[in-house]
Amino acid sequence: MNIILLTHSRELDKTSNTGTLVRSVLAERARLVVWRRTQPDPWLLERIEQGKVALLYPGKGSQPLAAATAYDSYILLDGTWQEARKMFNRSPYLQGLDKVAITSEKASIFQLRRNQTPGGLCTAESVIELLMAQDEIVLAEQLQQKLQNFIEQHTNR
């Protein structure tokens, strides 16, 4: 399983961005692509065209993660919830993708930002859920530990 972090440009300079943790744990299996409204990334468009790519996005028409077994790659919208909605709404190439939703029993431990969506997870937590669903327990635990450390470091400032 590969992760494509479609990242809002405002997210790149934020010290609270957990996409960096995902890339550090998954290495070559995670790729950062900067979202540009008027210039979609050619590599991303080609990857979508090849198939077996799903968008991790909650809402109407999304299938539960447990049922999403036919995908090699998942696109995650890496930004605030408001930025993610904007990215989705302004990117027709995303709207045509199969959508997968995570319904986690656990509340998010990520409280470093305001305006969190109830039931919403940060980028790293979403990838942890994906890894667990794929039985990649060791990687999920590594990412969970990095996230815990990250949160502790940011709250002790």
N, C-alpha and C. Protein backbone atom coordinates (compact mmCIF):
# COMPACT_ATOMS: atom_id res chain seq x y z
N MET A 1 0.84 -1.18 0.00
CA MET A 1 0.00 0.00 0.00
C MET A 1 0.89 1.24 0.00
N ASN A 2 0.52 2.18 -0.86
CA ASN A 2 1.24 3.45 -0.95
C ASN A 2 0.32 4.59 -0.53
N ILE A 3 0.94 5.62 0.00
CA ILE A 3 0.21 6.80 0.46
C ILE A 3 0.65 8.00 -0.37
N ILE A 4 -0.33 8.72 -0.90
CA ILE A 4 -0.05 9.97 -1.62
C ILE A 4 -0.63 11.09 -0.77
N LEU A 5 0.25 11.92 -0.26
CA LEU A 5 -0.17 13.06 0.56
C LEU A 5 -0.34 14.26 -0.35
N LEU A 6 -1.58 14.55 -0.72
CA LEU A 6 -1.87 15.72 -1.54
C LEU A 6 -1.98 16.90 -0.57
N THR A 7 -0.92 17.68 -0.51
CA THR A 7 -0.72 18.64 0.56
C THR A 7 -1.01 20.07 0.12
N HIS A 8 -1.82 20.75 0.92
CA HIS A 8 -2.09 22.17 0.67
C HIS A 8 -0.81 22.95 0.93
N SER A 9 -0.53 23.95 0.11
CA SER A 9 0.73 24.70 0.22
C SER A 9 0.90 25.36 1.59
N ARG A 10 -0.19 25.74 2.23
CA ARG A 10 -0.09 26.36 3.56
C ARG A 10 0.41 25.37 4.61
N GLU A 11 0.26 24.10 4.32
CA GLU A 11 0.63 23.06 5.28
C GLU A 11 2.15 22.84 5.32
N LEU A 12 2.83 23.22 4.27
CA LEU A 12 4.25 22.92 4.14
C LEU A 12 5.11 23.55 5.22
N ASP A 13 4.74 24.71 5.72
CA ASP A 13 5.54 25.41 6.71
C ASP A 13 5.04 25.24 8.14
N LYS A 14 3.99 24.47 8.32
CA LYS A 14 3.43 24.31 9.66
C LYS A 14 4.21 23.27 10.46
N THR A 15 4.60 23.64 11.65
CA THR A 15 5.33 22.70 12.50
C THR A 15 4.41 21.61 13.04
N SER A 16 3.11 21.80 12.94
CA SER A 16 2.15 20.81 13.42
C SER A 16 1.71 19.83 12.34
N ASN A 17 2.35 19.85 11.18
CA ASN A 17 1.98 18.95 10.08
C ASN A 17 2.45 17.53 10.38
N THR A 18 1.51 16.58 10.41
CA THR A 18 1.87 15.20 10.72
C THR A 18 2.19 14.38 9.48
N GLY A 19 2.03 14.97 8.31
CA GLY A 19 2.43 14.28 7.08
C GLY A 19 3.92 13.96 7.07
N THR A 20 4.71 14.79 7.73
CA THR A 20 6.15 14.53 7.80
C THR A 20 6.44 13.24 8.55
N LEU A 21 5.62 12.93 9.55
CA LEU A 21 5.78 11.68 10.29
C LEU A 21 5.48 10.48 9.39
N VAL A 22 4.44 10.61 8.60
CA VAL A 22 4.06 9.54 7.67
C VAL A 22 5.21 9.25 6.72
N ARG A 23 5.78 10.30 6.17
CA ARG A 23 6.88 10.12 5.21
C ARG A 23 8.11 9.53 5.89
N SER A 24 8.36 9.88 7.14
CA SER A 24 9.53 9.34 7.82
C SER A 24 9.39 7.85 8.12
N VAL A 25 8.18 7.40 8.39
CA VAL A 25 7.96 5.98 8.70
C VAL A 25 7.81 5.15 7.43
N LEU A 26 7.05 5.64 6.46
CA LEU A 26 6.78 4.85 5.26
C LEU A 26 7.83 5.03 4.17
N ALA A 27 8.68 6.02 4.29
CA ALA A 27 9.78 6.27 3.34
C ALA A 27 9.26 6.32 1.91
N GLU A 28 9.75 5.42 1.05
CA GLU A 28 9.41 5.47 -0.38
C GLU A 28 7.95 5.08 -0.66
N ARG A 29 7.25 4.59 0.33
CA ARG A 29 5.84 4.24 0.14
C ARG A 29 4.91 5.43 0.38
N ALA A 30 5.46 6.56 0.75
CA ALA A 30 4.67 7.78 0.94
C ALA A 30 5.27 8.89 0.08
N ARG A 31 4.41 9.55 -0.65
CA ARG A 31 4.88 10.62 -1.54
C ARG A 31 4.08 11.88 -1.28
N LEU A 32 4.78 13.00 -1.18
CA LEU A 32 4.14 14.30 -1.00
C LEU A 32 3.96 14.93 -2.37
N VAL A 33 2.74 15.38 -2.64
CA VAL A 33 2.42 16.11 -3.86
C VAL A 33 1.74 17.40 -3.40
N VAL A 34 2.27 18.53 -3.83
CA VAL A 34 1.69 19.81 -3.45
C VAL A 34 0.48 20.09 -4.34
N TRP A 35 -0.67 20.39 -3.70
CA TRP A 35 -1.89 20.69 -4.44
C TRP A 35 -1.81 22.09 -5.03
N ARG A 36 -2.13 22.15 -6.31
CA ARG A 36 -2.23 23.44 -7.00
C ARG A 36 -3.55 23.43 -7.78
N ARG A 37 -4.40 24.36 -7.46
CA ARG A 37 -5.75 24.38 -8.02
C ARG A 37 -5.75 24.40 -9.54
N THR A 38 -4.92 25.23 -10.14
CA THR A 38 -4.96 25.40 -11.59
C THR A 38 -3.95 24.53 -12.33
N GLN A 39 -3.06 23.88 -11.60
CA GLN A 39 -2.04 23.03 -12.24
C GLN A 39 -1.91 21.71 -11.51
N PRO A 40 -2.82 20.76 -11.77
CA PRO A 40 -2.70 19.46 -11.12
C PRO A 40 -1.36 18.80 -11.45
N ASP A 41 -0.83 18.10 -10.49
CA ASP A 41 0.45 17.43 -10.65
C ASP A 41 0.36 16.33 -11.72
N PRO A 42 1.21 16.37 -12.75
CA PRO A 42 1.15 15.36 -13.83
C PRO A 42 1.36 13.94 -13.33
N TRP A 43 2.29 13.75 -12.39
CA TRP A 43 2.52 12.40 -11.85
C TRP A 43 1.25 11.88 -11.19
N LEU A 44 0.58 12.73 -10.40
CA LEU A 44 -0.64 12.32 -9.71
C LEU A 44 -1.74 11.96 -10.70
N LEU A 45 -1.91 12.77 -11.73
CA LEU A 45 -2.94 12.48 -12.74
C LEU A 45 -2.66 11.16 -13.44
N GLU A 46 -1.40 10.89 -13.73
CA GLU A 46 -1.03 9.62 -14.36
C GLU A 46 -1.30 8.46 -13.42
N ARG A 47 -0.98 8.63 -12.16
CA ARG A 47 -1.20 7.57 -11.17
C ARG A 47 -2.69 7.28 -11.04
N ILE A 48 -3.52 8.30 -11.02
CA ILE A 48 -4.97 8.12 -10.94
C ILE A 48 -5.47 7.38 -12.18
N GLU A 49 -4.96 7.75 -13.33
CA GLU A 49 -5.38 7.12 -14.59
C GLU A 49 -5.03 5.63 -14.62
N GLN A 50 -3.94 5.26 -13.98
CA GLN A 50 -3.53 3.85 -13.94
C GLN A 50 -4.49 3.00 -13.12
N GLY A 51 -5.26 3.62 -12.24
CA GLY A 51 -6.25 2.89 -11.45
C GLY A 51 -5.73 2.39 -10.12
N LYS A 52 -6.62 1.73 -9.39
CA LYS A 52 -6.34 1.18 -8.06
C LYS A 52 -5.92 2.25 -7.06
N VAL A 53 -6.49 3.45 -7.23
CA VAL A 53 -6.22 4.57 -6.33
C VAL A 53 -7.56 5.03 -5.74
N ALA A 54 -7.59 5.18 -4.43
CA ALA A 54 -8.80 5.68 -3.77
C ALA A 54 -8.46 6.95 -3.01
N LEU A 55 -9.47 7.75 -2.78
CA LEU A 55 -9.34 8.99 -2.01
C LEU A 55 -9.90 8.74 -0.62
N LEU A 56 -9.11 9.00 0.39
CA LEU A 56 -9.59 8.92 1.75
C LEU A 56 -10.36 10.20 2.04
N TYR A 57 -11.68 10.09 2.05
CA TYR A 57 -12.52 11.28 2.20
C TYR A 57 -13.89 10.84 2.72
N PRO A 58 -14.31 11.39 3.85
CA PRO A 58 -15.60 10.98 4.41
C PRO A 58 -16.77 11.62 3.68
N GLY A 59 -17.92 11.03 3.85
CA GLY A 59 -19.12 11.66 3.32
C GLY A 59 -19.93 10.75 2.43
N LYS A 60 -20.88 11.36 1.79
CA LYS A 60 -21.81 10.63 0.93
C LYS A 60 -21.05 9.90 -0.18
N GLY A 61 -21.37 8.64 -0.35
CA GLY A 61 -20.75 7.85 -1.40
C GLY A 61 -19.44 7.20 -1.02
N SER A 62 -18.98 7.44 0.20
CA SER A 62 -17.73 6.82 0.64
C SER A 62 -18.01 5.41 1.15
N GLN A 63 -17.12 4.50 0.81
CA GLN A 63 -17.24 3.14 1.32
C GLN A 63 -16.42 3.01 2.60
N PRO A 64 -16.82 2.11 3.49
CA PRO A 64 -16.04 1.94 4.72
C PRO A 64 -14.67 1.34 4.42
N LEU A 65 -13.71 1.69 5.24
CA LEU A 65 -12.35 1.22 5.05
C LEU A 65 -12.28 -0.31 5.00
N ALA A 66 -13.06 -0.98 5.81
CA ALA A 66 -13.03 -2.44 5.86
C ALA A 66 -13.40 -3.07 4.51
N ALA A 67 -14.18 -2.37 3.70
CA ALA A 67 -14.60 -2.89 2.40
C ALA A 67 -13.66 -2.49 1.27
N ALA A 68 -12.69 -1.66 1.56
CA ALA A 68 -11.80 -1.10 0.53
C ALA A 68 -10.55 -1.96 0.39
N THR A 69 -10.66 -3.01 -0.41
CA THR A 69 -9.54 -3.95 -0.53
C THR A 69 -8.86 -3.92 -1.90
N ALA A 70 -9.42 -3.21 -2.84
CA ALA A 70 -8.93 -3.29 -4.23
C ALA A 70 -7.95 -2.18 -4.61
N TYR A 71 -7.39 -1.49 -3.63
CA TYR A 71 -6.57 -0.32 -3.94
C TYR A 71 -5.11 -0.53 -3.57
N ASP A 72 -4.24 -0.05 -4.45
CA ASP A 72 -2.80 -0.08 -4.19
C ASP A 72 -2.34 1.20 -3.50
N SER A 73 -3.07 2.29 -3.74
CA SER A 73 -2.67 3.60 -3.23
C SER A 73 -3.88 4.36 -2.70
N TYR A 74 -3.60 5.17 -1.69
CA TYR A 74 -4.63 6.03 -1.11
C TYR A 74 -4.12 7.46 -1.15
N ILE A 75 -4.99 8.36 -1.60
CA ILE A 75 -4.68 9.79 -1.57
C ILE A 75 -5.29 10.36 -0.30
N LEU A 76 -4.48 11.07 0.47
CA LEU A 76 -4.95 11.78 1.65
C LEU A 76 -4.79 13.27 1.41
N LEU A 77 -5.83 14.02 1.72
CA LEU A 77 -5.77 15.48 1.59
C LEU A 77 -5.14 16.02 2.86
N ASP A 78 -3.93 16.49 2.75
CA ASP A 78 -3.15 16.91 3.90
C ASP A 78 -3.27 18.42 4.08
N GLY A 79 -4.08 18.80 5.06
CA GLY A 79 -4.33 20.21 5.35
C GLY A 79 -5.37 20.28 6.45
N THR A 80 -5.82 21.47 6.77
CA THR A 80 -6.91 21.60 7.73
C THR A 80 -8.17 21.02 7.09
N TRP A 81 -9.20 20.82 7.90
CA TRP A 81 -10.45 20.31 7.34
C TRP A 81 -11.02 21.28 6.31
N GLN A 82 -10.89 22.56 6.58
CA GLN A 82 -11.39 23.56 5.64
C GLN A 82 -10.60 23.51 4.33
N GLU A 83 -9.29 23.37 4.43
CA GLU A 83 -8.45 23.28 3.22
C GLU A 83 -8.76 22.01 2.45
N ALA A 84 -8.97 20.91 3.16
CA ALA A 84 -9.27 19.63 2.50
C ALA A 84 -10.57 19.72 1.70
N ARG A 85 -11.59 20.34 2.28
CA ARG A 85 -12.86 20.50 1.55
C ARG A 85 -12.64 21.35 0.30
N LYS A 86 -11.88 22.41 0.44
CA LYS A 86 -11.58 23.28 -0.70
C LYS A 86 -10.83 22.49 -1.78
N MET A 87 -9.85 21.72 -1.38
CA MET A 87 -9.07 20.94 -2.34
C MET A 87 -9.98 19.96 -3.09
N PHE A 88 -10.85 19.29 -2.36
CA PHE A 88 -11.76 18.34 -2.98
C PHE A 88 -12.73 19.04 -3.93
N ASN A 89 -13.35 20.10 -3.47
CA ASN A 89 -14.36 20.79 -4.27
C ASN A 89 -13.80 21.44 -5.52
N ARG A 90 -12.52 21.80 -5.50
CA ARG A 90 -11.92 22.49 -6.64
C ARG A 90 -11.04 21.59 -7.50
N SER A 91 -11.15 20.29 -7.30
CA SER A 91 -10.32 19.34 -8.06
C SER A 91 -11.19 18.25 -8.68
N PRO A 92 -11.68 18.46 -9.89
CA PRO A 92 -12.55 17.47 -10.53
C PRO A 92 -11.93 16.07 -10.61
N TYR A 93 -10.62 16.00 -10.76
CA TYR A 93 -9.95 14.70 -10.85
C TYR A 93 -10.05 13.90 -9.54
N LEU A 94 -10.30 14.57 -8.43
CA LEU A 94 -10.49 13.87 -7.15
C LEU A 94 -11.94 13.41 -7.00
N GLN A 95 -12.86 14.19 -7.51
CA GLN A 95 -14.28 13.89 -7.32
C GLN A 95 -14.70 12.60 -8.00
N GLY A 96 -13.98 12.20 -9.04
CA GLY A 96 -14.32 10.97 -9.74
C GLY A 96 -13.73 9.71 -9.13
N LEU A 97 -12.89 9.86 -8.13
CA LEU A 97 -12.25 8.70 -7.50
C LEU A 97 -13.20 7.98 -6.56
N ASP A 98 -12.96 6.68 -6.35
CA ASP A 98 -13.64 5.97 -5.28
C ASP A 98 -13.22 6.61 -3.97
N LYS A 99 -14.18 6.77 -3.07
CA LYS A 99 -13.89 7.38 -1.78
C LYS A 99 -14.00 6.35 -0.67
N VAL A 100 -13.09 6.46 0.27
CA VAL A 100 -13.05 5.56 1.41
C VAL A 100 -13.11 6.40 2.68
N ALA A 101 -13.92 5.96 3.64
CA ALA A 101 -14.05 6.69 4.90
C ALA A 101 -13.60 5.82 6.06
N ILE A 102 -12.93 6.45 6.99
CA ILE A 102 -12.52 5.78 8.22
C ILE A 102 -13.54 6.12 9.30
N THR A 103 -14.03 5.10 9.95
CA THR A 103 -14.88 5.32 11.11
C THR A 103 -14.15 4.68 12.29
N SER A 104 -13.48 5.51 13.03
CA SER A 104 -12.67 5.03 14.15
C SER A 104 -13.45 5.17 15.45
N GLU A 105 -13.30 4.18 16.29
CA GLU A 105 -13.93 4.24 17.61
C GLU A 105 -13.16 5.17 18.54
N LYS A 106 -11.88 5.36 18.22
CA LYS A 106 -11.02 6.17 19.08
C LYS A 106 -11.13 7.65 18.71
N ALA A 107 -11.11 8.49 19.71
CA ALA A 107 -11.07 9.93 19.47
C ALA A 107 -9.65 10.32 19.09
N SER A 108 -9.53 11.36 18.32
CA SER A 108 -8.22 11.85 17.91
C SER A 108 -7.43 12.33 19.12
N ILE A 109 -6.14 11.99 19.14
CA ILE A 109 -5.27 12.51 20.20
C ILE A 109 -4.61 13.81 19.76
N PHE A 110 -4.83 14.18 18.52
CA PHE A 110 -4.20 15.37 17.94
C PHE A 110 -5.04 16.60 18.27
N GLN A 111 -4.55 17.42 19.18
CA GLN A 111 -5.29 18.61 19.61
C GLN A 111 -4.45 19.87 19.44
N LEU A 112 -3.55 19.86 18.47
CA LEU A 112 -2.63 20.99 18.29
C LEU A 112 -3.22 22.12 17.45
N ARG A 113 -4.41 21.91 16.90
CA ARG A 113 -5.03 22.93 16.05
C ARG A 113 -6.46 23.20 16.49
N ARG A 114 -6.92 24.40 16.16
CA ARG A 114 -8.30 24.77 16.45
C ARG A 114 -9.21 24.21 15.35
N ASN A 115 -10.51 24.30 15.60
CA ASN A 115 -11.53 23.95 14.61
C ASN A 115 -11.44 22.51 14.12
N GLN A 116 -11.18 21.59 15.04
CA GLN A 116 -11.14 20.19 14.66
C GLN A 116 -12.55 19.68 14.39
N THR A 117 -12.69 18.80 13.43
CA THR A 117 -13.98 18.21 13.09
C THR A 117 -14.26 17.06 14.05
N PRO A 118 -15.44 17.01 14.66
CA PRO A 118 -15.75 15.89 15.55
C PRO A 118 -15.62 14.56 14.80
N GLY A 119 -14.91 13.63 15.40
CA GLY A 119 -14.69 12.34 14.77
C GLY A 119 -13.58 12.35 13.74
N GLY A 120 -13.01 13.52 13.49
CA GLY A 120 -11.94 13.63 12.49
C GLY A 120 -10.59 13.21 13.05
N LEU A 121 -9.76 12.71 12.18
CA LEU A 121 -8.41 12.29 12.54
C LEU A 121 -7.40 13.15 11.80
N CYS A 122 -6.22 13.29 12.38
CA CYS A 122 -5.15 13.99 11.66
C CYS A 122 -4.58 13.04 10.60
N THR A 123 -3.70 13.56 9.78
CA THR A 123 -3.13 12.78 8.68
C THR A 123 -2.45 11.52 9.19
N ALA A 124 -1.60 11.64 10.19
CA ALA A 124 -0.89 10.47 10.71
C ALA A 124 -1.86 9.44 11.29
N GLU A 125 -2.87 9.89 12.02
CA GLU A 125 -3.85 8.95 12.58
C GLU A 125 -4.61 8.22 11.47
N SER A 126 -4.91 8.91 10.39
CA SER A 126 -5.60 8.28 9.26
C SER A 126 -4.73 7.20 8.64
N VAL A 127 -3.45 7.47 8.50
CA VAL A 127 -2.53 6.48 7.93
C VAL A 127 -2.38 5.30 8.89
N ILE A 128 -2.37 5.56 10.18
CA ILE A 128 -2.32 4.46 11.16
C ILE A 128 -3.52 3.54 10.95
N GLU A 129 -4.70 4.11 10.78
CA GLU A 129 -5.90 3.30 10.54
C GLU A 129 -5.78 2.49 9.24
N LEU A 130 -5.25 3.11 8.19
CA LEU A 130 -5.04 2.40 6.93
C LEU A 130 -4.07 1.24 7.11
N LEU A 131 -2.97 1.49 7.80
CA LEU A 131 -1.98 0.44 8.05
C LEU A 131 -2.57 -0.71 8.85
N MET A 132 -3.34 -0.39 9.87
CA MET A 132 -3.98 -1.43 10.69
C MET A 132 -4.93 -2.27 9.84
N ALA A 133 -5.68 -1.62 8.97
CA ALA A 133 -6.63 -2.33 8.10
C ALA A 133 -5.91 -3.26 7.13
N GLN A 134 -4.66 -2.94 6.80
CA GLN A 134 -3.85 -3.76 5.89
C GLN A 134 -2.98 -4.75 6.67
N ASP A 135 -3.20 -4.86 7.96
CA ASP A 135 -2.41 -5.74 8.84
C ASP A 135 -0.92 -5.39 8.85
N GLU A 136 -0.62 -4.15 8.67
CA GLU A 136 0.78 -3.69 8.76
C GLU A 136 0.97 -3.09 10.16
N ILE A 137 0.88 -3.98 11.13
CA ILE A 137 0.84 -3.59 12.54
C ILE A 137 2.14 -2.91 12.99
N VAL A 138 3.28 -3.45 12.58
CA VAL A 138 4.57 -2.89 13.02
C VAL A 138 4.71 -1.44 12.56
N LEU A 139 4.40 -1.18 11.29
CA LEU A 139 4.48 0.20 10.79
C LEU A 139 3.46 1.10 11.48
N ALA A 140 2.26 0.57 11.73
CA ALA A 140 1.24 1.35 12.42
C ALA A 140 1.71 1.73 13.82
N GLU A 141 2.33 0.78 14.51
CA GLU A 141 2.82 1.06 15.87
C GLU A 141 3.98 2.06 15.84
N GLN A 142 4.85 1.95 14.85
CA GLN A 142 5.95 2.91 14.73
C GLN A 142 5.41 4.33 14.51
N LEU A 143 4.44 4.44 13.63
CA LEU A 143 3.86 5.76 13.35
C LEU A 143 3.10 6.28 14.58
N GLN A 144 2.41 5.41 15.28
CA GLN A 144 1.70 5.80 16.50
C GLN A 144 2.68 6.36 17.54
N GLN A 145 3.81 5.69 17.71
CA GLN A 145 4.81 6.15 18.67
C GLN A 145 5.40 7.50 18.26
N LYS A 146 5.69 7.65 16.97
CA LYS A 146 6.21 8.94 16.49
C LYS A 146 5.19 10.06 16.71
N LEU A 147 3.92 9.75 16.47
CA LEU A 147 2.87 10.75 16.69
C LEU A 147 2.77 11.14 18.16
N GLN A 148 2.82 10.15 19.05
CA GLN A 148 2.78 10.42 20.50
C GLN A 148 3.92 11.36 20.88
N ASN A 149 5.13 11.03 20.43
CA ASN A 149 6.31 11.85 20.74
C ASN A 149 6.16 13.26 20.18
N PHE A 150 5.66 13.34 18.95
CA PHE A 150 5.45 14.62 18.26
C PHE A 150 4.50 15.51 19.07
N ILE A 151 3.39 14.94 19.51
CA ILE A 151 2.40 15.69 20.27
C ILE A 151 2.98 16.14 21.61
N GLU A 152 3.70 15.25 22.27
CA GLU A 152 4.32 15.60 23.55
C GLU A 152 5.31 16.75 23.38
N GLN A 153 6.11 16.70 22.34
CA GLN A 153 7.09 17.76 22.09
C GLN A 153 6.40 19.10 21.84
N HIS A 154 5.30 19.08 21.09
CA HIS A 154 4.61 20.32 20.75
C HIS A 154 3.80 20.89 21.92
N THR A 155 3.34 20.03 22.82
CA THR A 155 2.55 20.53 23.95
C THR A 155 3.44 20.98 25.11
N ASN A 156 4.70 20.57 25.09
CA ASN A 156 5.63 20.96 26.16
C ASN A 156 6.42 22.21 25.81
N ARG A 157 6.03 22.91 24.78
CA ARG A 157 6.75 24.13 24.38
C ARG A 157 6.35 25.31 25.22
